[in-house]
N, C-alpha and C. Protein backbone atom coordinates (compact mmCIF):
# COMPACT_ATOMS: atom_id res chain seq x y z
N MET A 1 0.84 -1.16 0.00
CA MET A 1 0.00 0.00 0.00
C MET A 1 0.90 1.24 0.00
N THR A 2 0.59 2.20 -0.86
CA THR A 2 1.38 3.42 -0.90
C THR A 2 1.05 4.28 0.30
N GLY A 3 1.87 5.29 0.52
CA GLY A 3 1.66 6.18 1.67
C GLY A 3 0.34 6.89 1.63
N SER A 4 -0.08 7.33 0.43
CA SER A 4 -1.35 8.05 0.33
C SER A 4 -2.53 7.13 0.61
N ARG A 5 -2.44 5.88 0.16
CA ARG A 5 -3.52 4.92 0.41
C ARG A 5 -3.58 4.55 1.89
N LEU A 6 -2.42 4.35 2.50
CA LEU A 6 -2.35 4.04 3.93
C LEU A 6 -2.91 5.19 4.75
N THR A 7 -2.57 6.41 4.36
CA THR A 7 -3.10 7.59 5.05
C THR A 7 -4.62 7.66 4.88
N PHE A 8 -5.10 7.40 3.66
CA PHE A 8 -6.54 7.43 3.41
C PHE A 8 -7.26 6.44 4.32
N TRP A 9 -6.78 5.19 4.36
CA TRP A 9 -7.47 4.17 5.17
C TRP A 9 -7.37 4.47 6.66
N SER A 10 -6.27 5.05 7.09
CA SER A 10 -6.14 5.42 8.50
C SER A 10 -7.13 6.52 8.87
N ILE A 11 -7.20 7.56 8.03
CA ILE A 11 -8.15 8.65 8.29
C ILE A 11 -9.58 8.15 8.16
N PHE A 12 -9.84 7.30 7.18
CA PHE A 12 -11.18 6.74 7.00
C PHE A 12 -11.60 5.98 8.26
N THR A 13 -10.71 5.16 8.81
CA THR A 13 -11.02 4.37 10.00
C THR A 13 -11.27 5.28 11.19
N LEU A 14 -10.40 6.24 11.42
CA LEU A 14 -10.58 7.16 12.54
C LEU A 14 -11.86 7.98 12.41
N ALA A 15 -12.12 8.48 11.21
CA ALA A 15 -13.33 9.26 10.98
C ALA A 15 -14.58 8.40 11.15
N GLY A 16 -14.52 7.16 10.67
CA GLY A 16 -15.66 6.25 10.83
C GLY A 16 -15.96 5.96 12.29
N LEU A 17 -14.94 5.70 13.06
CA LEU A 17 -15.14 5.44 14.49
C LEU A 17 -15.65 6.69 15.20
N TRP A 18 -15.13 7.84 14.81
CA TRP A 18 -15.57 9.11 15.40
C TRP A 18 -17.05 9.35 15.08
N MET A 19 -17.46 9.12 13.84
CA MET A 19 -18.86 9.31 13.45
C MET A 19 -19.79 8.34 14.18
N GLN A 20 -19.30 7.15 14.43
CA GLN A 20 -20.12 6.17 15.16
C GLN A 20 -20.39 6.61 16.58
N SER A 21 -19.54 7.46 17.14
CA SER A 21 -19.80 7.97 18.48
C SER A 21 -20.97 8.95 18.48
N PHE A 22 -21.25 9.58 17.33
CA PHE A 22 -22.37 10.49 17.21
C PHE A 22 -23.65 9.78 16.79
N MET A 23 -23.51 8.69 16.08
CA MET A 23 -24.67 7.93 15.60
C MET A 23 -24.49 6.46 15.95
N PRO A 24 -24.69 6.11 17.22
CA PRO A 24 -24.53 4.71 17.61
C PRO A 24 -25.49 3.82 16.82
N GLY A 25 -25.01 2.65 16.49
CA GLY A 25 -25.84 1.70 15.75
C GLY A 25 -25.67 1.78 14.25
N VAL A 26 -24.97 2.80 13.76
CA VAL A 26 -24.74 2.96 12.33
C VAL A 26 -23.27 2.65 12.07
N ASP A 27 -23.01 1.76 11.13
CA ASP A 27 -21.64 1.34 10.80
C ASP A 27 -21.08 2.23 9.70
N PHE A 28 -20.13 3.08 10.06
CA PHE A 28 -19.50 3.97 9.09
C PHE A 28 -18.28 3.36 8.44
N LEU A 29 -17.94 2.13 8.79
CA LEU A 29 -16.80 1.46 8.18
C LEU A 29 -17.22 0.52 7.05
N ALA A 30 -18.49 0.15 7.02
CA ALA A 30 -18.99 -0.78 5.99
C ALA A 30 -18.74 -0.28 4.56
N PRO A 31 -18.94 1.01 4.25
CA PRO A 31 -18.64 1.46 2.89
C PRO A 31 -17.17 1.27 2.52
N GLY A 32 -16.29 1.36 3.50
CA GLY A 32 -14.88 1.14 3.25
C GLY A 32 -14.59 -0.30 2.84
N LEU A 33 -15.30 -1.23 3.46
CA LEU A 33 -15.13 -2.64 3.10
C LEU A 33 -15.53 -2.86 1.64
N ILE A 34 -16.63 -2.25 1.25
CA ILE A 34 -17.09 -2.38 -0.14
C ILE A 34 -16.09 -1.71 -1.09
N LEU A 35 -15.61 -0.53 -0.73
CA LEU A 35 -14.63 0.16 -1.57
C LEU A 35 -13.37 -0.68 -1.72
N SER A 36 -12.93 -1.30 -0.64
CA SER A 36 -11.75 -2.16 -0.70
C SER A 36 -12.00 -3.40 -1.56
N LEU A 37 -13.19 -3.98 -1.46
CA LEU A 37 -13.54 -5.13 -2.30
C LEU A 37 -13.56 -4.73 -3.77
N GLN A 38 -14.02 -3.53 -4.07
CA GLN A 38 -14.08 -3.07 -5.45
C GLN A 38 -12.70 -2.87 -6.05
N GLU A 39 -11.75 -2.55 -5.22
CA GLU A 39 -10.39 -2.33 -5.72
C GLU A 39 -9.67 -3.64 -6.02
N GLU A 40 -10.25 -4.76 -5.63
CA GLU A 40 -9.73 -6.10 -5.93
C GLU A 40 -8.28 -6.27 -5.46
N LYS A 41 -8.04 -5.87 -4.24
CA LYS A 41 -6.74 -6.06 -3.60
C LYS A 41 -7.00 -6.90 -2.35
N PRO A 42 -6.98 -8.24 -2.51
CA PRO A 42 -7.42 -9.13 -1.43
C PRO A 42 -6.65 -8.95 -0.12
N ARG A 43 -5.35 -8.78 -0.19
CA ARG A 43 -4.59 -8.64 1.06
C ARG A 43 -5.01 -7.40 1.83
N ALA A 44 -5.15 -6.29 1.12
CA ALA A 44 -5.56 -5.05 1.78
C ALA A 44 -6.96 -5.20 2.37
N THR A 45 -7.86 -5.84 1.63
CA THR A 45 -9.23 -6.03 2.11
C THR A 45 -9.25 -6.90 3.35
N ILE A 46 -8.48 -7.96 3.36
CA ILE A 46 -8.45 -8.85 4.53
C ILE A 46 -7.88 -8.13 5.74
N VAL A 47 -6.80 -7.38 5.56
CA VAL A 47 -6.20 -6.65 6.68
C VAL A 47 -7.17 -5.61 7.22
N LEU A 48 -7.75 -4.80 6.32
CA LEU A 48 -8.71 -3.79 6.76
C LEU A 48 -9.92 -4.43 7.43
N GLY A 49 -10.44 -5.49 6.83
CA GLY A 49 -11.60 -6.19 7.40
C GLY A 49 -11.32 -6.72 8.79
N LEU A 50 -10.15 -7.31 8.99
CA LEU A 50 -9.80 -7.83 10.32
C LEU A 50 -9.64 -6.71 11.34
N ILE A 51 -9.01 -5.63 10.95
CA ILE A 51 -8.85 -4.48 11.86
C ILE A 51 -10.21 -3.94 12.25
N TRP A 52 -11.07 -3.73 11.26
CA TRP A 52 -12.39 -3.18 11.54
C TRP A 52 -13.24 -4.16 12.34
N LEU A 53 -13.11 -5.43 12.05
CA LEU A 53 -13.85 -6.45 12.80
C LEU A 53 -13.46 -6.41 14.27
N LEU A 54 -12.16 -6.37 14.55
CA LEU A 54 -11.71 -6.34 15.94
C LEU A 54 -12.11 -5.04 16.63
N LEU A 55 -12.03 -3.92 15.92
CA LEU A 55 -12.46 -2.65 16.50
C LEU A 55 -13.95 -2.66 16.82
N GLN A 56 -14.75 -3.12 15.88
CA GLN A 56 -16.20 -3.13 16.08
C GLN A 56 -16.63 -4.12 17.16
N GLU A 57 -16.05 -5.30 17.15
CA GLU A 57 -16.40 -6.29 18.17
C GLU A 57 -15.93 -5.83 19.55
N GLY A 58 -14.76 -5.20 19.60
CA GLY A 58 -14.21 -4.77 20.88
C GLY A 58 -14.94 -3.59 21.50
N THR A 59 -15.45 -2.70 20.66
CA THR A 59 -16.13 -1.53 21.20
C THR A 59 -17.63 -1.73 21.35
N GLY A 60 -18.18 -2.75 20.73
CA GLY A 60 -19.62 -2.98 20.80
C GLY A 60 -20.03 -3.71 22.06
N SER A 61 -21.32 -3.71 22.31
CA SER A 61 -21.83 -4.38 23.51
C SER A 61 -22.62 -5.64 23.18
N LEU A 62 -22.79 -5.94 21.92
CA LEU A 62 -23.50 -7.17 21.55
C LEU A 62 -22.54 -8.36 21.62
N ALA A 63 -23.12 -9.54 21.61
CA ALA A 63 -22.33 -10.77 21.70
C ALA A 63 -21.35 -10.87 20.54
N PHE A 64 -20.21 -11.51 20.82
CA PHE A 64 -19.20 -11.69 19.77
C PHE A 64 -19.82 -12.48 18.62
N GLY A 65 -19.55 -12.05 17.44
CA GLY A 65 -20.05 -12.71 16.25
C GLY A 65 -21.01 -11.86 15.46
N THR A 66 -21.56 -10.82 16.10
CA THR A 66 -22.51 -9.96 15.40
C THR A 66 -21.84 -9.26 14.22
N VAL A 67 -20.66 -8.72 14.46
CA VAL A 67 -19.95 -8.01 13.39
C VAL A 67 -19.42 -9.00 12.35
N VAL A 68 -19.08 -10.20 12.77
CA VAL A 68 -18.66 -11.23 11.82
C VAL A 68 -19.81 -11.51 10.85
N LEU A 69 -21.01 -11.67 11.40
CA LEU A 69 -22.18 -11.88 10.54
C LEU A 69 -22.44 -10.66 9.65
N TRP A 70 -22.35 -9.48 10.24
CA TRP A 70 -22.61 -8.23 9.52
C TRP A 70 -21.69 -8.09 8.31
N TYR A 71 -20.37 -8.21 8.53
CA TYR A 71 -19.42 -8.06 7.44
C TYR A 71 -19.45 -9.25 6.49
N GLY A 72 -19.74 -10.44 7.00
CA GLY A 72 -19.86 -11.61 6.14
C GLY A 72 -21.02 -11.49 5.17
N VAL A 73 -22.17 -11.07 5.67
CA VAL A 73 -23.34 -10.89 4.81
C VAL A 73 -23.11 -9.73 3.84
N LEU A 74 -22.45 -8.67 4.32
CA LEU A 74 -22.15 -7.53 3.45
C LEU A 74 -21.27 -7.97 2.28
N ALA A 75 -20.23 -8.74 2.55
CA ALA A 75 -19.36 -9.23 1.48
C ALA A 75 -20.13 -10.16 0.54
N ALA A 76 -20.96 -11.02 1.09
CA ALA A 76 -21.75 -11.93 0.26
C ALA A 76 -22.72 -11.15 -0.63
N LEU A 77 -23.37 -10.12 -0.08
CA LEU A 77 -24.27 -9.29 -0.89
C LEU A 77 -23.51 -8.60 -2.02
N PHE A 78 -22.30 -8.13 -1.71
CA PHE A 78 -21.50 -7.48 -2.75
C PHE A 78 -21.15 -8.47 -3.86
N PHE A 79 -20.65 -9.66 -3.49
CA PHE A 79 -20.25 -10.63 -4.51
C PHE A 79 -21.44 -11.12 -5.32
N PHE A 80 -22.58 -11.29 -4.67
CA PHE A 80 -23.79 -11.70 -5.40
C PHE A 80 -24.26 -10.57 -6.31
N GLY A 81 -24.30 -9.36 -5.77
CA GLY A 81 -24.83 -8.22 -6.52
C GLY A 81 -23.96 -7.77 -7.67
N HIS A 82 -22.65 -7.94 -7.55
CA HIS A 82 -21.82 -7.43 -8.64
C HIS A 82 -21.86 -8.34 -9.87
N TRP A 83 -22.51 -9.48 -9.75
CA TRP A 83 -22.78 -10.29 -10.94
C TRP A 83 -23.92 -9.66 -11.75
N LEU A 84 -24.81 -8.98 -11.04
CA LEU A 84 -25.97 -8.38 -11.69
C LEU A 84 -25.75 -6.92 -12.07
N PHE A 85 -24.92 -6.22 -11.30
CA PHE A 85 -24.71 -4.79 -11.50
C PHE A 85 -23.22 -4.52 -11.67
N GLU A 86 -22.91 -3.38 -12.25
CA GLU A 86 -21.53 -2.90 -12.27
C GLU A 86 -21.14 -2.62 -10.83
N ALA A 87 -19.97 -3.11 -10.41
CA ALA A 87 -19.56 -3.06 -9.01
C ALA A 87 -19.47 -1.64 -8.46
N LYS A 88 -19.19 -0.66 -9.30
CA LYS A 88 -19.02 0.71 -8.84
C LYS A 88 -20.19 1.61 -9.22
N ASN A 89 -21.33 1.02 -9.48
CA ASN A 89 -22.53 1.73 -9.87
C ASN A 89 -23.22 2.28 -8.62
N PHE A 90 -23.60 3.57 -8.65
CA PHE A 90 -24.24 4.18 -7.48
C PHE A 90 -25.60 3.54 -7.18
N LEU A 91 -26.33 3.12 -8.21
CA LEU A 91 -27.60 2.43 -7.98
C LEU A 91 -27.38 1.14 -7.21
N PHE A 92 -26.32 0.42 -7.53
CA PHE A 92 -25.98 -0.80 -6.79
C PHE A 92 -25.70 -0.46 -5.33
N MET A 93 -25.05 0.67 -5.07
CA MET A 93 -24.76 1.07 -3.69
C MET A 93 -26.03 1.44 -2.95
N ILE A 94 -26.99 2.04 -3.65
CA ILE A 94 -28.28 2.36 -3.02
C ILE A 94 -29.00 1.06 -2.64
N ILE A 95 -29.00 0.09 -3.54
CA ILE A 95 -29.64 -1.21 -3.26
C ILE A 95 -28.91 -1.90 -2.12
N LEU A 96 -27.59 -1.87 -2.13
CA LEU A 96 -26.79 -2.47 -1.07
C LEU A 96 -27.08 -1.78 0.26
N GLY A 97 -27.21 -0.45 0.25
CA GLY A 97 -27.56 0.29 1.46
C GLY A 97 -28.92 -0.12 2.00
N ALA A 98 -29.89 -0.28 1.10
CA ALA A 98 -31.23 -0.73 1.52
C ALA A 98 -31.17 -2.13 2.13
N CYS A 99 -30.39 -3.00 1.52
CA CYS A 99 -30.22 -4.35 2.07
C CYS A 99 -29.57 -4.31 3.45
N LEU A 100 -28.60 -3.41 3.62
CA LEU A 100 -27.95 -3.28 4.93
C LEU A 100 -28.92 -2.74 5.97
N GLY A 101 -29.82 -1.85 5.57
CA GLY A 101 -30.84 -1.37 6.50
C GLY A 101 -31.72 -2.50 6.99
N VAL A 102 -32.15 -3.34 6.08
CA VAL A 102 -32.98 -4.50 6.44
C VAL A 102 -32.17 -5.48 7.29
N LEU A 103 -30.92 -5.71 6.90
CA LEU A 103 -30.05 -6.61 7.66
C LEU A 103 -29.84 -6.08 9.08
N HIS A 104 -29.61 -4.78 9.21
CA HIS A 104 -29.41 -4.19 10.53
C HIS A 104 -30.63 -4.42 11.41
N PHE A 105 -31.81 -4.18 10.85
CA PHE A 105 -33.04 -4.36 11.63
C PHE A 105 -33.18 -5.81 12.09
N GLY A 106 -32.99 -6.74 11.18
CA GLY A 106 -33.12 -8.16 11.54
C GLY A 106 -32.05 -8.63 12.50
N LEU A 107 -30.80 -8.27 12.22
CA LEU A 107 -29.69 -8.72 13.05
C LEU A 107 -29.78 -8.15 14.46
N MET A 108 -30.15 -6.89 14.59
CA MET A 108 -30.27 -6.29 15.92
C MET A 108 -31.42 -6.91 16.70
N ASN A 109 -32.53 -7.19 16.03
CA ASN A 109 -33.64 -7.83 16.73
C ASN A 109 -33.26 -9.22 17.23
N VAL A 110 -32.58 -9.98 16.40
CA VAL A 110 -32.17 -11.33 16.80
C VAL A 110 -31.13 -11.28 17.91
N MET A 111 -30.10 -10.47 17.75
CA MET A 111 -29.01 -10.45 18.73
C MET A 111 -29.45 -9.88 20.08
N THR A 112 -30.31 -8.87 20.07
CA THR A 112 -30.78 -8.34 21.35
C THR A 112 -31.69 -9.33 22.06
N GLN A 113 -32.46 -10.09 21.31
CA GLN A 113 -33.30 -11.12 21.93
C GLN A 113 -32.45 -12.25 22.50
N LEU A 114 -31.38 -12.61 21.81
CA LEU A 114 -30.49 -13.64 22.33
C LEU A 114 -29.85 -13.23 23.64
N GLN A 115 -29.60 -11.93 23.81
CA GLN A 115 -29.00 -11.43 25.04
C GLN A 115 -30.04 -10.98 26.06
N ASP A 116 -31.32 -11.18 25.72
CA ASP A 116 -32.43 -10.81 26.59
C ASP A 116 -32.43 -9.32 26.91
N TRP A 117 -32.14 -8.52 25.90
CA TRP A 117 -32.18 -7.06 26.04
C TRP A 117 -33.48 -6.55 25.45
N ARG A 118 -33.95 -5.46 25.99
CA ARG A 118 -35.14 -4.81 25.46
C ARG A 118 -34.71 -3.50 24.81
N VAL A 119 -34.80 -3.45 23.51
CA VAL A 119 -34.45 -2.24 22.76
C VAL A 119 -35.72 -1.75 22.08
N PRO A 120 -36.00 -0.45 22.19
CA PRO A 120 -37.20 0.08 21.54
C PRO A 120 -37.16 -0.18 20.03
N PRO A 121 -38.21 -0.79 19.48
CA PRO A 121 -38.20 -1.09 18.04
C PRO A 121 -38.06 0.16 17.17
N GLY A 122 -38.57 1.28 17.66
CA GLY A 122 -38.44 2.52 16.90
C GLY A 122 -36.99 2.95 16.75
N ARG A 123 -36.19 2.70 17.78
CA ARG A 123 -34.77 3.06 17.71
C ARG A 123 -34.05 2.20 16.68
N VAL A 124 -34.32 0.91 16.71
CA VAL A 124 -33.67 0.00 15.75
C VAL A 124 -34.12 0.35 14.33
N LEU A 125 -35.38 0.68 14.17
CA LEU A 125 -35.89 1.07 12.85
C LEU A 125 -35.20 2.35 12.36
N LEU A 126 -35.05 3.33 13.25
CA LEU A 126 -34.38 4.58 12.89
C LEU A 126 -32.92 4.32 12.52
N GLU A 127 -32.22 3.51 13.30
CA GLU A 127 -30.83 3.16 12.97
C GLU A 127 -30.75 2.49 11.60
N SER A 128 -31.71 1.63 11.31
CA SER A 128 -31.73 0.91 10.03
C SER A 128 -31.93 1.87 8.86
N VAL A 129 -32.83 2.81 9.03
CA VAL A 129 -33.08 3.79 7.96
C VAL A 129 -31.85 4.67 7.76
N VAL A 130 -31.25 5.12 8.86
CA VAL A 130 -30.05 5.95 8.75
C VAL A 130 -28.93 5.17 8.08
N GLN A 131 -28.78 3.89 8.44
CA GLN A 131 -27.74 3.05 7.82
C GLN A 131 -27.98 2.96 6.32
N ALA A 132 -29.22 2.75 5.92
CA ALA A 132 -29.55 2.62 4.50
C ALA A 132 -29.28 3.91 3.73
N VAL A 133 -29.52 5.05 4.36
CA VAL A 133 -29.33 6.34 3.68
C VAL A 133 -27.86 6.75 3.67
N VAL A 134 -27.17 6.55 4.80
CA VAL A 134 -25.79 7.00 4.94
C VAL A 134 -24.84 6.16 4.08
N PHE A 135 -25.10 4.87 3.96
CA PHE A 135 -24.17 3.98 3.27
C PHE A 135 -23.82 4.44 1.86
N PRO A 136 -24.78 4.66 0.95
CA PRO A 136 -24.39 5.05 -0.41
C PRO A 136 -23.74 6.42 -0.47
N VAL A 137 -24.15 7.34 0.39
CA VAL A 137 -23.56 8.67 0.40
C VAL A 137 -22.11 8.59 0.84
N GLN A 138 -21.86 7.88 1.92
CA GLN A 138 -20.49 7.76 2.41
C GLN A 138 -19.62 7.00 1.40
N TRP A 139 -20.17 5.94 0.81
CA TRP A 139 -19.41 5.21 -0.20
C TRP A 139 -19.03 6.15 -1.35
N GLY A 140 -19.98 6.96 -1.82
CA GLY A 140 -19.72 7.87 -2.93
C GLY A 140 -18.62 8.86 -2.60
N LEU A 141 -18.66 9.44 -1.41
CA LEU A 141 -17.61 10.38 -1.00
C LEU A 141 -16.26 9.69 -0.89
N ALA A 142 -16.24 8.52 -0.26
CA ALA A 142 -14.99 7.78 -0.11
C ALA A 142 -14.44 7.37 -1.48
N TYR A 143 -15.32 6.95 -2.38
CA TYR A 143 -14.90 6.54 -3.73
C TYR A 143 -14.25 7.70 -4.49
N ILE A 144 -14.86 8.87 -4.41
CA ILE A 144 -14.32 10.05 -5.10
C ILE A 144 -12.95 10.42 -4.53
N ILE A 145 -12.86 10.47 -3.21
CA ILE A 145 -11.58 10.83 -2.57
C ILE A 145 -10.52 9.78 -2.88
N TYR A 146 -10.86 8.51 -2.73
CA TYR A 146 -9.90 7.42 -2.94
C TYR A 146 -9.35 7.44 -4.36
N ASN A 147 -10.21 7.68 -5.33
CA ASN A 147 -9.77 7.65 -6.73
C ASN A 147 -9.05 8.91 -7.18
N HIS A 148 -9.01 9.92 -6.34
CA HIS A 148 -8.22 11.12 -6.65
C HIS A 148 -6.88 11.13 -5.94
N LEU A 149 -6.58 10.06 -5.22
CA LEU A 149 -5.28 9.96 -4.56
C LEU A 149 -4.21 9.60 -5.58
N PRO A 150 -3.01 10.12 -5.41
CA PRO A 150 -1.93 9.71 -6.31
C PRO A 150 -1.55 8.26 -6.04
N HIS A 151 -1.25 7.53 -7.08
CA HIS A 151 -0.78 6.16 -6.92
C HIS A 151 0.28 5.90 -7.98
N ASN A 152 1.13 4.93 -7.66
CA ASN A 152 2.23 4.63 -8.58
C ASN A 152 2.22 3.16 -9.01
N GLY A 153 1.09 2.51 -8.87
CA GLY A 153 0.99 1.13 -9.33
C GLY A 153 1.58 0.11 -8.38
N GLN A 154 1.99 0.54 -7.20
CA GLN A 154 2.59 -0.37 -6.25
C GLN A 154 1.66 -0.69 -5.09
N ASP A 155 0.37 -0.46 -5.27
CA ASP A 155 -0.58 -0.77 -4.21
C ASP A 155 -0.62 -2.25 -3.94
N VAL A 156 -0.97 -2.59 -2.73
CA VAL A 156 -1.10 -4.01 -2.35
C VAL A 156 -2.42 -4.51 -2.83
């Protein structure tokens, strides 16, 4: 990874974690996973995914495995969807965001019930809608910034 790409991913991670402190329940790192998958650099994607997985699991209060399911389903949706759509198509990102909203609602309902927690359904619904709306917008901004970075063909 070049210095500019490493700087981008470091700032992206810090900004994503910072934004999550303002909007709990919304994953601001998920668009980065999709952006990394689109770049088809498996080593970078695995490293970033593992870092984000450990950060999300470590800072979250749900049972271990929730983020594994979240990122696993996200990757599966991307690989399934990019057979049907151009991988970098904004419409595909809108559909992916909507799927993540539905996934968030279902996953949070299941995981909170497994832990015998009572979470207001309106809150989970609001988080799901925000996740669905924020995902394509954040992906679009990250995509534009990432593709305007200088590179010299030595990316990982």
